[in-house]
Protein backbone atom coordinates (compact mmCIF):
# COMPACT_ATOMS: atom_id res chain seq x y z
CA MET A 1 0.00 0.00 0.00
CA LYS A 2 2.84 2.39 0.87
CA LYS A 3 4.47 1.70 -2.51
CA ILE A 4 1.22 2.54 -4.32
CA LEU A 5 0.80 5.78 -2.36
CA LEU A 6 4.42 6.72 -3.06
CA ALA A 7 3.98 6.05 -6.79
CA VAL A 8 0.78 8.11 -6.92
CA SER A 9 2.51 10.91 -5.03
CA LEU A 10 5.46 10.93 -7.44
CA VAL A 11 3.21 10.99 -10.49
CA SER A 12 1.15 13.82 -9.01
CA THR A 13 4.29 15.78 -8.25
CA ALA A 14 5.62 15.26 -11.76
CA PHE A 15 2.46 16.69 -13.29
CA ALA A 16 2.47 19.64 -10.88
CA LEU A 17 5.97 20.77 -11.86
CA PRO A 18 6.17 23.67 -14.30
CA ALA A 19 7.39 23.04 -17.82
CA LEU A 20 11.13 23.38 -18.25
CA ALA A 21 12.24 26.76 -19.51
CA GLY A 22 14.27 27.14 -22.66
CA ASP A 23 18.04 26.87 -22.70
CA ALA A 24 19.71 30.29 -23.18
CA ALA A 25 23.02 28.83 -24.37
CA ILE A 26 21.28 26.77 -27.06
CA GLY A 27 19.14 29.80 -27.91
CA LYS A 28 22.23 31.91 -28.49
CA ALA A 29 23.48 29.37 -31.01
CA LYS A 30 20.11 29.53 -32.81
CA SER A 31 19.84 33.33 -32.76
CA ALA A 32 21.90 34.29 -35.83
CA THR A 33 18.83 34.80 -38.03
CA CYS A 34 17.17 36.99 -35.38
CA ALA A 35 20.29 39.15 -35.07
CA ALA A 36 19.86 40.62 -38.55
CA CYS A 37 16.88 42.71 -37.34
CA HIS A 38 17.02 42.54 -33.54
CA GLY A 39 20.79 42.71 -33.01
CA PRO A 40 23.02 39.91 -31.70
CA ASP A 41 22.02 40.65 -28.09
CA GLY A 42 18.42 41.67 -28.82
CA ASN A 43 19.10 45.42 -28.88
CA SER A 44 18.01 46.36 -32.37
CA MET A 45 19.55 49.43 -33.95
CA ALA A 46 16.59 50.12 -36.25
CA PRO A 47 13.77 52.01 -34.46
CA ASN A 48 11.04 50.04 -36.25
CA PHE A 49 12.37 46.67 -35.01
CA PRO A 50 11.71 46.02 -31.32
CA LYS A 51 14.38 45.52 -28.72
CA ILE A 52 13.83 42.05 -27.31
CA ALA A 53 16.79 42.02 -24.91
CA GLY A 54 15.58 41.57 -21.36
CA GLN A 55 11.99 40.97 -22.43
CA HIS A 56 10.18 38.34 -20.36
CA GLU A 57 10.85 34.83 -21.61
CA SER A 58 7.17 33.89 -21.51
CA TYR A 59 6.20 37.00 -23.48
CA ILE A 60 8.78 36.41 -26.22
CA ALA A 61 7.66 32.79 -26.54
CA LYS A 62 4.00 33.82 -26.73
CA GLN A 63 4.65 36.36 -29.47
CA LEU A 64 6.63 33.86 -31.54
CA ARG A 65 3.85 31.30 -31.17
CA ASP A 66 1.26 33.95 -32.07
CA TYR A 67 3.17 34.80 -35.26
CA LYS A 68 3.34 31.09 -36.07
CA SER A 69 -0.38 30.54 -35.48
CA GLY A 70 -1.46 33.75 -37.23
CA ALA A 71 -2.82 35.34 -34.04
CA ARG A 72 -0.30 38.12 -34.63
CA LYS A 73 0.46 39.15 -38.18
CA ASP A 74 3.67 40.35 -39.78
CA PRO A 75 4.86 38.83 -43.07
CA THR A 76 8.55 38.94 -42.13
CA MET A 77 8.10 37.46 -38.67
CA THR A 78 5.69 34.81 -39.91
CA ALA A 79 8.29 33.64 -42.42
CA MET A 80 10.95 33.57 -39.69
CA VAL A 81 8.94 31.49 -37.20
CA ILE A 82 7.40 28.90 -39.51
CA PRO A 83 10.49 26.63 -39.39
CA LEU A 84 10.92 26.97 -35.62
CA SER A 85 10.12 24.04 -33.37
CA GLU A 86 8.61 24.44 -29.89
CA SER A 87 12.04 23.96 -28.33
CA ASP A 88 13.58 26.49 -30.76
CA ILE A 89 11.02 29.06 -29.59
CA ASP A 90 11.69 28.32 -25.91
CA ASP A 91 15.47 28.45 -26.36
CA LEU A 92 15.40 31.73 -28.29
CA ALA A 93 13.07 33.26 -25.71
CA ALA A 94 15.42 32.17 -22.91
CA TYR A 95 18.45 33.64 -24.67
CA PHE A 96 16.99 37.06 -25.42
CA ALA A 97 15.39 37.27 -21.97
CA SER A 98 18.84 36.75 -20.44
CA GLN A 99 20.25 39.83 -22.19
CA SER A 100 20.12 43.43 -20.93
CA VAL A 101 18.15 46.11 -22.73
CA LYS A 102 19.99 49.29 -23.68
CA VAL A 103 17.77 52.20 -22.69
CA GLY A 104 17.41 55.16 -25.04
CA THR A 105 16.47 58.75 -24.25
CA THR A 106 13.20 60.64 -24.14
CA ALA A 107 12.73 63.75 -26.27
CA GLU A 108 12.60 66.71 -23.87
CA ASP A 109 9.48 68.17 -25.47
CA LYS A 110 7.56 64.92 -24.84
CA LEU A 111 8.81 64.17 -21.33
CA GLU A 112 6.16 65.88 -19.22
CA ALA A 113 3.15 64.78 -21.28
CA GLY A 114 4.52 61.25 -21.68
CA GLN A 115 5.28 60.87 -17.99
CA THR A 116 1.84 62.12 -16.97
CA LEU A 117 0.07 59.75 -19.34
CA TYR A 118 2.27 56.77 -18.42
CA ARG A 119 1.83 57.29 -14.68
CA ALA A 120 -1.72 58.66 -14.41
CA GLY A 121 -3.47 58.09 -17.74
CA ASN A 122 -6.10 60.55 -18.93
CA ALA A 123 -9.19 60.44 -16.74
CA SER A 124 -11.18 62.75 -19.01
CA SER A 125 -10.94 60.38 -21.98
CA GLY A 126 -10.76 57.11 -20.04
CA VAL A 127 -7.14 56.26 -20.91
CA ALA A 128 -5.72 54.01 -18.19
CA SER A 129 -2.23 54.59 -16.86
CA CYS A 130 0.43 52.43 -18.48
CA SER A 131 2.19 51.91 -15.15
CA ALA A 132 -0.80 49.99 -13.76
CA CYS A 133 0.12 47.00 -15.94
CA HIS A 134 3.66 47.70 -17.12
CA GLY A 135 5.05 48.91 -13.78
CA PRO A 136 6.48 52.24 -12.66
CA ASN A 137 9.83 51.59 -14.35
CA GLY A 138 8.39 49.73 -17.36
CA SER A 139 9.52 46.29 -16.23
CA GLY A 140 6.12 44.70 -16.92
CA ASN A 141 4.57 41.72 -15.18
CA PRO A 142 5.53 38.28 -16.54
CA GLN A 143 2.91 36.43 -14.46
CA ALA A 144 0.17 38.45 -16.17
CA SER A 145 1.93 38.40 -19.57
CA PHE A 146 2.36 42.18 -19.53
CA PRO A 147 5.60 42.93 -21.39
CA SER A 148 8.51 45.04 -20.31
CA LEU A 149 8.47 48.41 -22.08
CA SER A 150 11.63 49.84 -20.55
CA GLY A 151 13.92 51.36 -23.18
CA GLN A 152 11.83 50.21 -26.14
CA HIS A 153 12.13 52.22 -29.37
CA ALA A 154 9.57 55.04 -29.50
CA ASP A 155 8.82 54.34 -33.18
CA TYR A 156 8.01 50.71 -32.42
CA ILE A 157 5.80 51.54 -29.42
CA ALA A 158 3.89 54.17 -31.40
CA ALA A 159 3.38 51.76 -34.30
CA GLN A 160 2.03 49.02 -32.02
CA LEU A 161 -0.36 51.39 -30.23
CA LYS A 162 -1.71 52.58 -33.57
CA MET A 163 -2.13 48.97 -34.71
CA PHE A 164 -4.04 48.16 -31.52
CA ARG A 165 -6.17 51.28 -32.03
CA LYS A 166 -7.15 50.14 -35.54
CA ALA A 167 -7.57 46.51 -34.38
CA GLU A 168 -4.84 45.50 -36.81
CA ARG A 169 -3.11 43.81 -33.89
CA ILE A 170 -5.48 41.63 -31.88
CA ASN A 171 -3.37 39.30 -29.74
CA ASP A 172 -3.90 41.27 -26.52
CA ALA A 173 -5.61 39.45 -23.67
CA GLY A 174 -9.19 40.57 -23.18
CA ASN A 175 -8.86 43.38 -25.75
CA MET A 176 -7.04 45.37 -23.07
CA MET A 177 -4.57 47.19 -25.31
CA ARG A 178 -7.19 47.76 -28.01
CA GLY A 179 -9.44 49.35 -25.40
CA VAL A 180 -6.70 51.67 -24.14
CA ALA A 181 -5.30 52.62 -27.55
CA ALA A 182 -8.77 53.33 -28.97
CA ARG A 183 -9.04 56.30 -26.58
CA MET A 184 -5.59 57.73 -27.31
CA THR A 185 -4.83 60.60 -29.66
CA ASP A 186 -1.82 60.60 -31.95
CA ALA A 187 -0.18 63.20 -29.70
CA GLU A 188 -0.69 61.00 -26.63
CA ILE A 189 0.69 57.96 -28.42
CA ASP A 190 3.79 59.85 -29.53
CA ALA A 191 4.37 61.32 -26.06
CA VAL A 192 4.04 58.06 -24.16
CA ALA A 193 6.16 56.22 -26.75
CA GLN A 194 8.91 58.78 -26.28
CA TYR A 195 8.64 58.50 -22.51
CA VAL A 196 8.95 54.70 -22.62
CA GLN A 197 12.10 54.94 -24.77
CA GLY A 198 13.98 56.52 -21.86
CA LEU A 199 12.19 54.69 -19.05
CA HIS A 200 14.17 52.40 -16.73
C-alpha cells in the first residue's frame, strides 16, 4: 500500500511541476537569423524593429507562437517562425530574456506629457495609466503576460499602439490594449512612446 501511495505521489508531483524553460546557451546558437533585425544581443539598432533584450521569456515565446499561429500578423516574422520548433522558440526566448536592454532617451518636449500619461493616464478620456500593468519603471509583469516596455524604441511603441487602435493587432488578452489605444490621440501615443524609450 505504501508503494502505491508513493507512486501516486510521485506521479502527481511530476504533473504539478512547471514546464522546463528554454536553454539560453542553445538559444544563443540559434539566434543568428534573429540578429539581422534585432541585433546579436536583442538590442536592435533600427527604431522600427523592437528591442527584445531583457523581455520576459514567456512573453517572447507567446509572441513567436502567435506569429506562427497567425494570431499576430507580420509577413517577415511569420516567415521567420514557420520553421521553428517548440524547443527552438523556448530556447530563443530564454536567450533574449537573459540579455540586458539598452535604454534610449526621451525627447525633452515629450517628457512631461509622456510621464503624466504613463503614470496617471487621462481620466477625461478614459485612458488608463500604463504603469498599472507595465510597472512604474516599465519592467512589466511576466505572471500576467504584460511585457517590459523599458527602453523600447519610440517608433516601435507608437506603431504598435496605432495597430491596436485600428484593431490590426489583436493578440492582446481581453482586448485590453485595443481598449486603451482606442481612446488615445496621436499626440498621446507619440508622447508616451517617447517617454517609454527613456524609461528604466
